[in-house]
Amino acid sequence: FQVLASPTPTLTGVAYDDFEVALDGRNYLISKDTTLNFQVLAGQRSSDFGRCPLHFDPSRWQGLKSSKLMTYNFGAHSCPGRDMSSLEARVWLPMLLSRFRFELVDVENMEVDS
């Protein structure tokens, strides 16, 4: 038995009570026991999280709990690279720190070649 999975991470749940959702000036009734799907990509690109959701601006996530970010999702259809990227970070970062010397730079007095 194979299920066609969404190409983007999706959170699925069931409404535990009746409620209304207002969208574009209309109200929609969601009945109890209705299956709900949330496209994580659409949510993270929502203008509710910043003025320019398609522009890379990490500051829009400041103050947001990490549990609210669905970078890798979870469950059967989670990102297949999640474990590999975690392992890579645990190996790569210590190697980088041991092989190079880092120091703070005075950005305001720094000269940049064009």
Foldseek 3Di string as FASTA:
>chain_A
DDDDDDPADKDKDFAQAWDWDADPNDIDIDHGRDIDIDGLVCVQQDCVQHPGSVDDDVVSCPPPDPVVHCPQPDDPPTNPCPVVVVVCCVPVVVVVPVPDDDDDDPVVPDDDDD
